[in-house]
Amino acid sequence: MKVEELTAKVLEKNPNMDRYQLALAVAKRCDELENGATSKLNINTSSIKASDLALMEIAEGLVVVQGFVNARK
C-alpha cells in the first residue's frame, strides 16, 4: 500500500488527528523501531524503511496513538 493510502486510512479512522500529529506519531514509533523495538507486523521487515513500517503499524491499528483513538462501543 502506498504512503498516501496509508495516511488517508489513518486519518479516516481518526478524525481528531491531523497530518502533523500523525507525522509526530510516526516519528516516535520510527525512533522506537530504530532503537531495537520489534515490529508488530507479521512480514519480513528487512527491506522496509522504519518510517514506512511505523506508518503501516499505525494504519493497521497495531500501534495506538494515545489521545486520538475513537471510543469503541
N, C-alpha and C. Protein backbone atom coordinates (compact mmCIF):
# COMPACT_ATOMS: atom_id res chain seq x y z
N MET A 1 0.85 -1.17 0.00
CA MET A 1 0.00 0.00 0.00
C MET A 1 0.90 1.24 0.00
N LYS A 2 0.52 2.25 -0.74
CA LYS A 2 1.30 3.47 -0.83
C LYS A 2 1.18 4.30 0.44
N VAL A 3 2.17 5.15 0.66
CA VAL A 3 2.19 6.01 1.84
C VAL A 3 0.94 6.89 1.88
N GLU A 4 0.54 7.41 0.74
CA GLU A 4 -0.64 8.28 0.69
C GLU A 4 -1.91 7.52 1.10
N GLU A 5 -2.01 6.26 0.67
CA GLU A 5 -3.17 5.46 1.02
C GLU A 5 -3.18 5.13 2.51
N LEU A 6 -2.01 4.82 3.06
CA LEU A 6 -1.91 4.52 4.49
C LEU A 6 -2.26 5.76 5.32
N THR A 7 -1.75 6.90 4.89
CA THR A 7 -2.04 8.16 5.60
C THR A 7 -3.53 8.43 5.59
N ALA A 8 -4.16 8.29 4.44
CA ALA A 8 -5.60 8.51 4.33
C ALA A 8 -6.38 7.54 5.21
N LYS A 9 -5.94 6.30 5.27
CA LYS A 9 -6.61 5.28 6.10
C LYS A 9 -6.56 5.67 7.57
N VAL A 10 -5.40 6.11 8.04
CA VAL A 10 -5.25 6.50 9.45
C VAL A 10 -6.11 7.72 9.75
N LEU A 11 -6.05 8.73 8.88
CA LEU A 11 -6.79 9.96 9.13
C LEU A 11 -8.30 9.74 9.04
N GLU A 12 -8.72 8.79 8.22
CA GLU A 12 -10.14 8.47 8.13
C GLU A 12 -10.64 7.80 9.41
N LYS A 13 -9.82 6.92 9.97
CA LYS A 13 -10.19 6.22 11.20
C LYS A 13 -10.14 7.15 12.42
N ASN A 14 -9.31 8.19 12.35
CA ASN A 14 -9.10 9.10 13.48
C ASN A 14 -9.37 10.54 13.05
N PRO A 15 -10.64 10.95 13.02
CA PRO A 15 -10.97 12.29 12.53
C PRO A 15 -10.42 13.42 13.42
N ASN A 16 -10.05 13.11 14.65
CA ASN A 16 -9.50 14.12 15.55
C ASN A 16 -8.03 14.41 15.26
N MET A 17 -7.40 13.59 14.45
CA MET A 17 -5.97 13.69 14.18
C MET A 17 -5.74 14.41 12.86
N ASP A 18 -4.71 15.28 12.83
CA ASP A 18 -4.33 15.89 11.56
C ASP A 18 -2.98 15.32 11.10
N ARG A 19 -2.54 15.72 9.93
CA ARG A 19 -1.31 15.18 9.34
C ARG A 19 -0.08 15.46 10.20
N TYR A 20 -0.05 16.62 10.83
CA TYR A 20 1.09 16.97 11.68
C TYR A 20 1.17 16.02 12.87
N GLN A 21 0.06 15.76 13.50
CA GLN A 21 0.03 14.86 14.65
C GLN A 21 0.39 13.44 14.23
N LEU A 22 -0.06 13.03 13.06
CA LEU A 22 0.29 11.71 12.54
C LEU A 22 1.80 11.63 12.29
N ALA A 23 2.37 12.69 11.74
CA ALA A 23 3.81 12.71 11.50
C ALA A 23 4.59 12.57 12.80
N LEU A 24 4.12 13.20 13.86
CA LEU A 24 4.77 13.07 15.17
C LEU A 24 4.67 11.64 15.69
N ALA A 25 3.51 11.02 15.52
CA ALA A 25 3.32 9.64 15.97
C ALA A 25 4.21 8.68 15.18
N VAL A 26 4.31 8.89 13.88
CA VAL A 26 5.16 8.05 13.04
C VAL A 26 6.62 8.22 13.45
N ALA A 27 7.03 9.46 13.70
CA ALA A 27 8.41 9.71 14.10
C ALA A 27 8.75 9.04 15.43
N LYS A 28 7.82 9.07 16.37
CA LYS A 28 8.06 8.43 17.67
C LYS A 28 8.19 6.92 17.52
N ARG A 29 7.29 6.31 16.75
CA ARG A 29 7.35 4.86 16.54
C ARG A 29 8.60 4.49 15.73
N CYS A 30 8.97 5.32 14.79
CA CYS A 30 10.17 5.09 14.00
C CYS A 30 11.41 5.07 14.90
N ASP A 31 11.48 6.01 15.85
CA ASP A 31 12.59 6.02 16.81
C ASP A 31 12.62 4.73 17.62
N GLU A 32 11.44 4.28 18.05
CA GLU A 32 11.38 3.03 18.82
C GLU A 32 11.90 1.86 17.99
N LEU A 33 11.48 1.79 16.73
CA LEU A 33 11.91 0.70 15.85
C LEU A 33 13.42 0.74 15.60
N GLU A 34 13.95 1.93 15.41
CA GLU A 34 15.38 2.07 15.15
C GLU A 34 16.22 1.79 16.39
N ASN A 35 15.60 1.88 17.56
CA ASN A 35 16.31 1.61 18.81
C ASN A 35 16.07 0.20 19.33
N GLY A 36 15.60 -0.68 18.45
CA GLY A 36 15.52 -2.09 18.82
C GLY A 36 14.15 -2.68 19.06
N ALA A 37 13.10 -1.89 19.00
CA ALA A 37 11.76 -2.45 19.19
C ALA A 37 11.43 -3.37 18.02
N THR A 38 10.71 -4.44 18.30
CA THR A 38 10.34 -5.36 17.23
C THR A 38 9.03 -4.91 16.59
N SER A 39 8.91 -5.19 15.32
CA SER A 39 7.71 -4.82 14.58
C SER A 39 6.54 -5.69 15.02
N LYS A 40 5.35 -5.12 14.97
CA LYS A 40 4.15 -5.86 15.32
C LYS A 40 3.49 -6.47 14.10
N LEU A 41 4.08 -6.25 12.92
CA LEU A 41 3.56 -6.82 11.68
C LEU A 41 4.19 -8.18 11.44
N ASN A 42 3.46 -9.08 10.85
CA ASN A 42 3.97 -10.41 10.53
C ASN A 42 4.48 -10.47 9.10
N ILE A 43 5.46 -9.61 8.81
CA ILE A 43 6.07 -9.57 7.49
C ILE A 43 7.58 -9.46 7.63
N ASN A 44 8.29 -9.74 6.55
CA ASN A 44 9.73 -9.58 6.56
C ASN A 44 10.03 -8.08 6.48
N THR A 45 10.61 -7.53 7.53
CA THR A 45 10.81 -6.10 7.63
C THR A 45 12.21 -5.65 7.25
N SER A 46 13.03 -6.56 6.75
CA SER A 46 14.42 -6.21 6.46
C SER A 46 14.57 -5.20 5.33
N SER A 47 13.63 -5.16 4.39
CA SER A 47 13.76 -4.25 3.26
C SER A 47 12.80 -3.06 3.35
N ILE A 48 12.18 -2.86 4.50
CA ILE A 48 11.22 -1.77 4.67
C ILE A 48 11.83 -0.71 5.58
N LYS A 49 11.72 0.54 5.18
CA LYS A 49 12.23 1.63 6.00
C LYS A 49 11.41 1.72 7.28
N ALA A 50 12.07 2.16 8.35
CA ALA A 50 11.41 2.24 9.65
C ALA A 50 10.21 3.19 9.61
N SER A 51 10.30 4.27 8.87
CA SER A 51 9.18 5.22 8.80
C SER A 51 7.97 4.59 8.11
N ASP A 52 8.20 3.83 7.05
CA ASP A 52 7.10 3.15 6.37
C ASP A 52 6.50 2.07 7.26
N LEU A 53 7.35 1.36 7.96
CA LEU A 53 6.89 0.31 8.88
C LEU A 53 6.04 0.91 10.00
N ALA A 54 6.48 2.03 10.55
CA ALA A 54 5.73 2.70 11.61
C ALA A 54 4.35 3.12 11.11
N LEU A 55 4.30 3.69 9.91
CA LEU A 55 3.02 4.11 9.36
C LEU A 55 2.11 2.91 9.10
N MET A 56 2.65 1.80 8.62
CA MET A 56 1.86 0.60 8.39
C MET A 56 1.30 0.07 9.70
N GLU A 57 2.10 0.06 10.77
CA GLU A 57 1.63 -0.41 12.07
C GLU A 57 0.50 0.46 12.59
N ILE A 58 0.62 1.77 12.45
CA ILE A 58 -0.42 2.68 12.91
C ILE A 58 -1.68 2.49 12.08
N ALA A 59 -1.54 2.35 10.77
CA ALA A 59 -2.69 2.18 9.89
C ALA A 59 -3.45 0.89 10.18
N GLU A 60 -2.74 -0.16 10.57
CA GLU A 60 -3.38 -1.44 10.88
C GLU A 60 -3.94 -1.47 12.30
N GLY A 61 -3.70 -0.43 13.07
CA GLY A 61 -4.22 -0.38 14.43
C GLY A 61 -3.39 -1.17 15.43
N LEU A 62 -2.19 -1.57 15.03
CA LEU A 62 -1.32 -2.34 15.92
C LEU A 62 -0.58 -1.44 16.91
N VAL A 63 -0.46 -0.19 16.57
CA VAL A 63 0.14 0.80 17.46
C VAL A 63 -0.92 1.86 17.70
N VAL A 64 -1.26 2.08 18.95
CA VAL A 64 -2.31 3.04 19.30
C VAL A 64 -1.66 4.39 19.58
N VAL A 65 -2.20 5.41 18.94
CA VAL A 65 -1.73 6.77 19.17
C VAL A 65 -2.61 7.35 20.26
N GLN A 66 -2.05 7.53 21.43
CA GLN A 66 -2.83 7.99 22.57
C GLN A 66 -3.37 9.41 22.33
N GLY A 67 -4.60 9.60 22.73
CA GLY A 67 -5.23 10.90 22.59
C GLY A 67 -6.02 11.05 21.31
N PHE A 68 -5.86 10.12 20.36
CA PHE A 68 -6.54 10.22 19.08
C PHE A 68 -7.29 8.95 18.73
N VAL A 69 -7.64 8.18 19.72
CA VAL A 69 -8.31 6.90 19.48
C VAL A 69 -9.81 7.10 19.63
N ASN A 70 -10.56 6.60 18.66
CA ASN A 70 -12.01 6.66 18.74
C ASN A 70 -12.49 5.62 19.74
N ALA A 71 -13.46 5.97 20.54
CA ALA A 71 -14.01 5.02 21.51
C ALA A 71 -14.78 3.94 20.78
N ARG A 72 -14.51 2.69 21.12
CA ARG A 72 -15.24 1.58 20.51
C ARG A 72 -16.41 1.19 21.39
N LYS A 73 -17.49 0.85 20.75
CA LYS A 73 -18.69 0.51 21.52
C LYS A 73 -18.92 -0.96 21.48
